[in-house]
């Protein structure tokens, strides 16, 4: 599948092990290239999918000057959105526990923006999934943060980990988006390149 991509060198601009695994499982051959220090700030006026689409586009712009003519670049950004608050990756255990307390007993959105760039074309899209958490105790939150170290995950959790098994009551939308990459939508877009 996706034989149309054979004309490209696919570049995933992400260190996320989950994004790498999902792209591999899709059957895409790719290499990883990462730049550090990319500005991930965004205008305060942006909301929801506009935030991650903006950040994903900015990540792509940072790579464009170093792209070869035959490369296809994929960038992504994921946030958790609850009660009007944007949650990125926690900086420490305290912040991770605080985030999980805010998610406890509530429905939140996991929103991923993806940008696909070639020398001739740019596609940018966002995908939102609704996730409902049951009430989680301090003991459960402490156990998860201490044993799973969720510091590389938006909202301080990985749905594929222990917390997803015990706390996620319901999902509406793409499960894989919550993992970190909306692969079904990405696959449909890649078919057009």
Protein backbone atom coordinates (compact mmCIF):
# COMPACT_ATOMS: atom_id res chain seq x y z
CA UNK A 1 0.00 0.00 0.00
CA UNK A 2 0.99 3.65 -0.40
CA UNK A 3 3.19 2.78 -3.42
CA UNK A 4 2.72 6.41 -4.47
CA UNK A 5 5.15 7.33 -1.68
CA UNK A 6 8.02 5.35 -3.25
CA UNK A 7 9.14 8.50 -5.05
CA UNK A 8 9.83 10.16 -1.67
CA UNK A 9 12.24 9.78 1.19
CA UNK A 10 9.84 9.95 4.14
CA UNK A 11 11.06 11.93 7.15
CA UNK A 12 9.30 11.81 10.51
CA UNK A 13 10.24 14.90 12.49
CA UNK A 14 9.56 13.42 15.92
CA UNK A 15 11.37 11.57 18.68
CA UNK A 16 8.11 10.08 19.97
CA UNK A 17 8.41 6.30 20.21
CA UNK A 18 4.64 6.07 19.82
CA UNK A 19 4.61 8.04 16.55
CA UNK A 20 7.48 5.95 15.21
CA UNK A 21 5.66 2.72 16.06
CA UNK A 22 2.37 3.85 14.54
CA UNK A 23 4.01 4.96 11.28
CA UNK A 24 5.88 1.61 11.10
CA UNK A 25 2.64 -0.27 11.71
CA UNK A 26 1.09 1.68 8.82
CA UNK A 27 3.79 0.16 6.60
CA UNK A 28 5.63 3.39 5.85
CA UNK A 29 9.42 3.32 5.47
CA UNK A 30 10.88 6.45 7.01
CA UNK A 31 13.81 8.00 8.76
CA UNK A 32 13.69 10.18 11.83
CA UNK A 33 15.16 13.67 11.89
CA UNK A 34 14.86 15.94 14.87
CA UNK A 35 15.78 19.53 15.51
CA UNK A 36 15.94 20.91 19.02
CA UNK A 37 14.83 24.31 20.20
CA UNK A 38 11.85 24.71 17.86
CA UNK A 39 9.51 27.38 19.18
CA UNK A 40 6.24 25.72 20.20
CA UNK A 41 4.51 28.86 21.42
CA UNK A 42 1.31 30.06 19.76
CA UNK A 43 -0.89 33.16 19.79
CA UNK A 44 -3.26 33.34 22.77
CA UNK A 45 -6.17 33.86 20.38
CA UNK A 46 -5.93 30.29 19.04
CA UNK A 47 -8.16 27.49 20.35
CA UNK A 48 -8.53 23.72 19.94
CA UNK A 49 -7.27 22.32 16.63
CA UNK A 50 -5.96 25.74 15.55
CA UNK A 51 -3.28 25.49 18.26
CA UNK A 52 -1.81 22.15 17.19
CA UNK A 53 -2.11 22.95 13.49
CA UNK A 54 -0.20 26.20 14.09
CA UNK A 55 2.55 24.44 16.08
CA UNK A 56 2.78 21.56 13.60
CA UNK A 57 3.15 24.02 10.69
CA UNK A 58 5.87 25.91 12.58
CA UNK A 59 7.74 22.66 13.20
CA UNK A 60 7.55 21.91 9.47
CA UNK A 61 8.85 25.39 8.59
CA UNK A 62 11.89 24.79 10.80
CA UNK A 63 12.81 21.76 8.65
CA UNK A 64 11.93 23.07 5.20
CA UNK A 65 15.24 24.78 4.47
CA UNK A 66 17.13 21.51 5.04
CA UNK A 67 14.75 19.29 3.05
CA UNK A 68 15.96 17.52 -0.09
CA UNK A 69 13.72 17.91 -3.18
CA UNK A 70 12.56 14.28 -2.95
CA UNK A 71 11.69 14.30 0.76
CA UNK A 72 8.24 14.14 2.33
CA UNK A 73 8.21 15.51 5.87
CA UNK A 74 5.69 14.66 8.58
CA UNK A 75 5.43 16.80 11.73
CA UNK A 76 2.88 16.58 14.52
CA UNK A 77 1.89 18.14 17.81
CA UNK A 78 -0.55 16.88 20.45
CA UNK A 79 -2.24 18.64 23.32
CA UNK A 80 -4.81 17.74 25.92
CA UNK A 81 -7.59 20.29 26.34
CA UNK A 82 -9.76 20.34 29.47
CA UNK A 83 -11.98 23.11 30.84
CA UNK A 84 -10.45 25.59 28.40
CA UNK A 85 -6.91 24.80 29.56
CA UNK A 86 -4.19 23.49 27.27
CA UNK A 87 -2.00 20.74 28.71
CA UNK A 88 1.28 19.94 27.06
CA UNK A 89 3.98 17.74 28.53
CA UNK A 90 4.55 18.03 32.29
CA UNK A 91 7.92 19.40 33.40
CA UNK A 92 8.10 17.30 36.58
CA UNK A 93 6.22 14.80 38.78
CA UNK A 94 4.37 17.54 40.64
CA UNK A 95 3.00 19.02 37.42
CA UNK A 96 2.11 15.55 36.08
CA UNK A 97 0.10 14.78 39.22
CA UNK A 98 -1.63 18.16 39.01
CA UNK A 99 -2.64 17.48 35.40
CA UNK A 100 -4.03 14.04 36.24
CA UNK A 101 -6.07 15.52 39.10
CA UNK A 102 -7.62 17.97 36.61
CA UNK A 103 -8.50 15.11 34.24
CA UNK A 104 -10.00 12.90 36.96
CA UNK A 105 -13.74 12.38 36.52
CA UNK A 106 -13.93 14.59 33.42
CA UNK A 107 -14.13 14.41 29.66
CA UNK A 108 -11.24 16.07 27.85
CA UNK A 109 -10.09 16.43 24.28
CA UNK A 110 -6.88 15.05 22.84
CA UNK A 111 -6.03 17.11 19.79
CA UNK A 112 -3.27 16.39 17.28
CA UNK A 113 -2.17 18.59 14.43
CA UNK A 114 -0.25 17.04 11.53
CA UNK A 115 1.63 18.72 8.69
CA UNK A 116 2.84 16.92 5.57
CA UNK A 117 5.30 18.82 3.37
CA UNK A 118 6.99 18.14 0.03
CA UNK A 119 8.79 20.54 -2.28
CA UNK A 120 5.49 21.18 -4.09
CA UNK A 121 2.75 20.77 -1.51
CA UNK A 122 1.77 21.26 2.14
CA UNK A 123 -1.17 19.62 3.91
CA UNK A 124 -2.13 20.56 7.48
CA UNK A 125 -4.97 19.05 9.50
CA UNK A 126 -6.16 18.47 13.04
CA UNK A 127 -7.98 15.57 14.68
CA UNK A 128 -9.85 15.67 17.99
CA UNK A 129 -10.79 12.71 20.20
CA UNK A 130 -12.94 12.90 23.33
CA UNK A 131 -11.69 10.91 26.33
CA UNK A 132 -13.65 10.40 29.54
CA UNK A 133 -11.74 9.59 32.72
CA UNK A 134 -13.30 7.95 35.74
CA UNK A 135 -12.44 9.41 39.14
CA UNK A 136 -8.87 8.47 39.99
CA UNK A 137 -7.46 8.51 43.49
CA UNK A 138 -4.30 10.18 44.76
CA UNK A 139 -2.84 6.72 45.29
CA UNK A 140 -3.53 5.75 41.66
CA UNK A 141 -2.11 9.03 40.35
CA UNK A 142 1.04 8.68 42.47
CA UNK A 143 1.49 5.05 41.40
CA UNK A 144 1.17 5.95 37.73
CA UNK A 145 3.49 8.96 37.80
CA UNK A 146 6.11 7.17 39.92
CA UNK A 147 6.11 3.98 37.83
CA UNK A 148 5.42 5.18 34.29
CA UNK A 149 7.17 8.58 34.24
CA UNK A 150 4.75 10.27 31.80
CA UNK A 151 6.88 13.37 31.18
CA UNK A 152 7.00 12.98 27.41
CA UNK A 153 3.22 12.87 27.04
CA UNK A 154 0.67 15.65 26.66
CA UNK A 155 -1.66 15.69 29.66
CA UNK A 156 0.79 13.48 31.61
CA UNK A 157 -0.63 10.17 30.46
CA UNK A 158 -0.37 7.48 27.83
CA UNK A 159 -3.66 5.78 27.05
CA UNK A 160 -1.79 2.60 26.13
CA UNK A 161 -0.28 2.43 29.64
CA UNK A 162 -1.67 1.38 33.03
CA UNK A 163 -3.63 4.62 33.52
CA UNK A 164 -5.51 4.03 30.27
CA UNK A 165 -6.53 0.58 31.42
CA UNK A 166 -7.85 1.71 34.82
CA UNK A 167 -9.08 5.26 34.17
CA UNK A 168 -10.38 5.65 30.61
CA UNK A 169 -14.13 5.10 30.69
CA UNK A 170 -14.98 6.13 27.14
CA UNK A 171 -13.41 7.35 23.90
CA UNK A 172 -15.15 9.10 21.03
CA UNK A 173 -12.97 9.42 17.97
CA UNK A 174 -9.61 7.97 17.04
CA UNK A 175 -7.85 5.86 19.69
CA UNK A 176 -4.57 6.23 17.80
CA UNK A 177 -4.94 10.00 17.89
CA UNK A 178 -4.92 9.71 21.69
CA UNK A 179 -1.77 7.57 21.44
CA UNK A 180 -0.18 10.43 19.47
CA UNK A 181 -0.82 10.19 15.74
CA UNK A 182 -4.17 10.07 13.88
CA UNK A 183 -2.96 7.36 11.51
CA UNK A 184 -6.24 6.72 9.71
CA UNK A 185 -6.52 10.36 8.64
CA UNK A 186 -2.77 10.50 7.90
CA UNK A 187 -3.06 7.39 5.69
CA UNK A 188 -5.91 8.97 3.71
CA UNK A 189 -3.87 12.15 3.18
CA UNK A 190 -0.70 10.24 2.22
CA UNK A 191 -2.63 8.39 -0.50
CA UNK A 192 -3.02 11.73 -2.31
CA UNK A 193 0.70 12.57 -2.51
